[in-house]
Amino acid sequence: MTHKIDKLWYVVGFLAVAALMLWLSQYAQRASGSAPIGLNSTIADYSSVLVGPSLNGITVLIHSSQNCAARVITTNTNRIVLRFSSSTPSNGVATATPTVSSTSFNVLQAASTTVVYDGGLYGCSGISAYGFDATNTVYFMELR
């Protein structure tokens, strides 16, 4: 009889661990992406752009493209704010100056960093940039 009770505790323990793992798996970070796994991306556009506060406010990094997998932006020695346009105006440019205080589609990118902005999350419309400190060279690459 005690042998059956020992087996029962093993089964109950196993089910408890399985239930705990299933419950914790819902909090695991899930990857989001627009490029399907296993398919190649190609570089569609690459440029270097001067961004800074003295360049009449915003600087356009890219006009609208209808289709992108991701955009890769690298900053040099100064931080920038990016504005991702939620819609595509006729010229494809994000229409407002990025500001840290506004919450509409603004992203602060630190100095000396490279960040991949997924097209599925940030869209493929126009991107504008504003530099805080001094004029900064920003490197931009679009993948399709």
Protein backbone atom coordinates (compact mmCIF):
# COMPACT_ATOMS: atom_id res chain seq x y z
CA MET A 1 0.00 0.00 0.00
CA THR A 2 2.79 2.47 0.81
CA HIS A 3 4.34 1.68 -2.55
CA LYS A 4 1.18 2.99 -4.31
CA ILE A 5 1.21 6.14 -2.14
CA ASP A 6 4.87 6.82 -3.05
CA LYS A 7 4.03 6.52 -6.76
CA LEU A 8 1.08 8.85 -6.25
CA TRP A 9 3.35 11.51 -4.73
CA TYR A 10 5.69 11.22 -7.72
CA VAL A 11 2.78 11.72 -10.12
CA VAL A 12 1.40 14.66 -8.12
CA GLY A 13 4.88 16.24 -7.94
CA PHE A 14 5.42 15.79 -11.67
CA LEU A 15 2.05 17.33 -12.50
CA ALA A 16 2.73 20.25 -10.14
CA VAL A 17 6.09 20.97 -11.81
CA ALA A 18 4.53 20.69 -15.28
CA ALA A 19 1.72 23.08 -14.30
CA LEU A 20 4.25 25.54 -12.84
CA MET A 21 6.36 25.44 -16.00
CA LEU A 22 3.29 25.99 -18.16
CA TRP A 23 2.18 28.91 -16.01
CA LEU A 24 5.66 30.53 -16.10
CA SER A 25 5.99 30.07 -19.86
CA GLN A 26 3.31 32.72 -20.45
CA TYR A 27 5.68 35.30 -18.96
CA ALA A 28 8.63 34.35 -21.14
CA GLN A 29 9.70 37.02 -23.59
CA ARG A 30 8.44 36.21 -27.05
CA ALA A 31 10.33 37.26 -30.14
CA SER A 32 8.49 39.49 -32.58
CA GLY A 33 9.60 39.86 -36.13
CA SER A 34 8.51 40.57 -39.62
CA ALA A 35 11.13 38.52 -41.45
CA PRO A 36 10.10 34.86 -41.46
CA ILE A 37 12.55 32.46 -39.90
CA GLY A 38 14.89 30.90 -42.42
CA LEU A 39 14.41 33.51 -45.15
CA ASN A 40 17.19 35.89 -46.07
CA SER A 41 17.00 39.66 -45.84
CA THR A 42 18.78 41.88 -48.29
CA ILE A 43 20.13 45.39 -47.79
CA ALA A 44 17.78 47.70 -49.66
CA ASP A 45 19.21 51.07 -48.57
CA TYR A 46 22.28 52.30 -46.74
CA SER A 47 23.22 55.89 -45.97
CA SER A 48 24.98 58.13 -43.49
CA VAL A 49 23.14 61.27 -42.42
CA LEU A 50 24.16 64.26 -40.32
CA VAL A 51 21.73 64.76 -37.43
CA GLY A 52 21.85 67.57 -34.91
CA PRO A 53 19.94 70.39 -33.22
CA SER A 54 21.42 73.00 -35.54
CA LEU A 55 20.15 71.33 -38.71
CA ASN A 56 16.77 73.13 -38.74
CA GLY A 57 15.02 70.75 -36.38
CA ILE A 58 14.36 67.36 -37.87
CA THR A 59 16.47 65.41 -40.28
CA VAL A 60 14.90 62.83 -42.54
CA LEU A 61 16.59 59.45 -42.31
CA ILE A 62 14.40 57.74 -44.86
CA HIS A 63 11.35 58.36 -46.93
CA SER A 64 8.56 55.86 -46.95
CA SER A 65 9.04 52.37 -48.23
CA GLN A 66 6.10 50.05 -48.41
CA ASN A 67 7.96 46.93 -47.46
CA CYS A 68 10.80 46.35 -44.99
CA ALA A 69 11.97 43.58 -42.69
CA ALA A 70 13.93 45.84 -40.35
CA ARG A 71 15.85 49.07 -40.09
CA VAL A 72 19.26 49.29 -38.44
CA ILE A 73 20.36 52.65 -37.03
CA THR A 74 23.82 53.31 -35.59
CA THR A 75 24.72 56.48 -33.70
CA ASN A 76 28.17 57.91 -33.14
CA THR A 77 29.01 59.93 -30.06
CA ASN A 78 25.68 61.66 -29.41
CA ARG A 79 22.16 60.51 -28.61
CA ILE A 80 19.21 61.09 -30.92
CA VAL A 81 15.42 60.91 -30.81
CA LEU A 82 13.67 59.06 -33.62
CA ARG A 83 10.12 59.64 -34.77
CA PHE A 84 8.45 56.82 -36.62
CA SER A 85 5.62 58.12 -38.76
CA SER A 86 2.39 56.25 -38.16
CA SER A 87 1.09 57.13 -41.60
CA THR A 88 2.68 57.88 -44.91
CA PRO A 89 2.28 61.51 -46.01
CA SER A 90 2.72 62.32 -49.70
CA ASN A 91 6.46 62.87 -49.29
CA GLY A 92 6.94 59.96 -46.86
CA VAL A 93 8.41 62.14 -44.09
CA ALA A 94 7.44 62.00 -40.43
CA THR A 95 5.65 65.29 -39.97
CA ALA A 96 6.52 66.42 -36.44
CA THR A 97 9.77 67.18 -34.65
CA PRO A 98 10.68 64.36 -32.26
CA THR A 99 10.59 65.35 -28.61
CA VAL A 100 11.27 63.32 -25.49
CA SER A 101 8.19 64.67 -23.71
CA SER A 102 5.76 63.52 -26.41
CA THR A 103 4.68 59.91 -26.36
CA SER A 104 3.67 59.47 -29.98
CA PHE A 105 6.11 57.17 -31.74
CA ASN A 106 9.29 58.65 -30.25
CA VAL A 107 12.31 56.54 -29.36
CA LEU A 108 15.44 57.76 -27.62
CA GLN A 109 18.55 56.04 -28.95
CA ALA A 110 21.68 56.28 -26.84
CA ALA A 111 25.06 57.40 -28.13
CA SER A 112 27.40 54.85 -29.71
CA THR A 113 24.73 52.20 -30.17
CA THR A 114 23.34 50.08 -32.96
CA VAL A 115 19.65 49.23 -32.74
CA VAL A 116 17.54 47.06 -35.04
CA TYR A 117 14.00 48.41 -35.39
CA ASP A 118 11.78 45.58 -36.61
CA GLY A 119 9.45 46.51 -39.45
CA GLY A 120 6.64 44.47 -37.93
CA LEU A 121 6.79 46.50 -34.71
CA TYR A 122 7.79 49.99 -35.88
CA GLY A 123 6.33 49.96 -39.37
CA CYS A 124 7.90 50.92 -42.68
CA SER A 125 6.85 54.57 -42.95
CA GLY A 126 9.08 57.61 -42.76
CA ILE A 127 11.64 58.12 -39.97
CA SER A 128 12.89 61.50 -38.77
CA ALA A 129 15.66 62.18 -36.26
CA TYR A 130 16.64 64.99 -33.93
CA GLY A 131 20.03 65.32 -32.22
CA PHE A 132 20.37 66.66 -28.70
CA ASP A 133 23.98 67.60 -28.28
CA ALA A 134 26.10 68.29 -31.34
CA THR A 135 25.95 67.28 -34.96
CA ASN A 136 26.22 63.54 -35.19
CA THR A 137 26.68 61.13 -38.06
CA VAL A 138 23.95 58.49 -38.03
CA TYR A 139 24.24 55.36 -40.15
CA PHE A 140 21.02 53.95 -41.50
CA MET A 141 20.36 50.61 -43.19
CA GLU A 142 17.06 49.14 -44.37
CA LEU A 143 16.60 45.41 -44.83
CA ARG A 144 13.98 43.82 -47.07
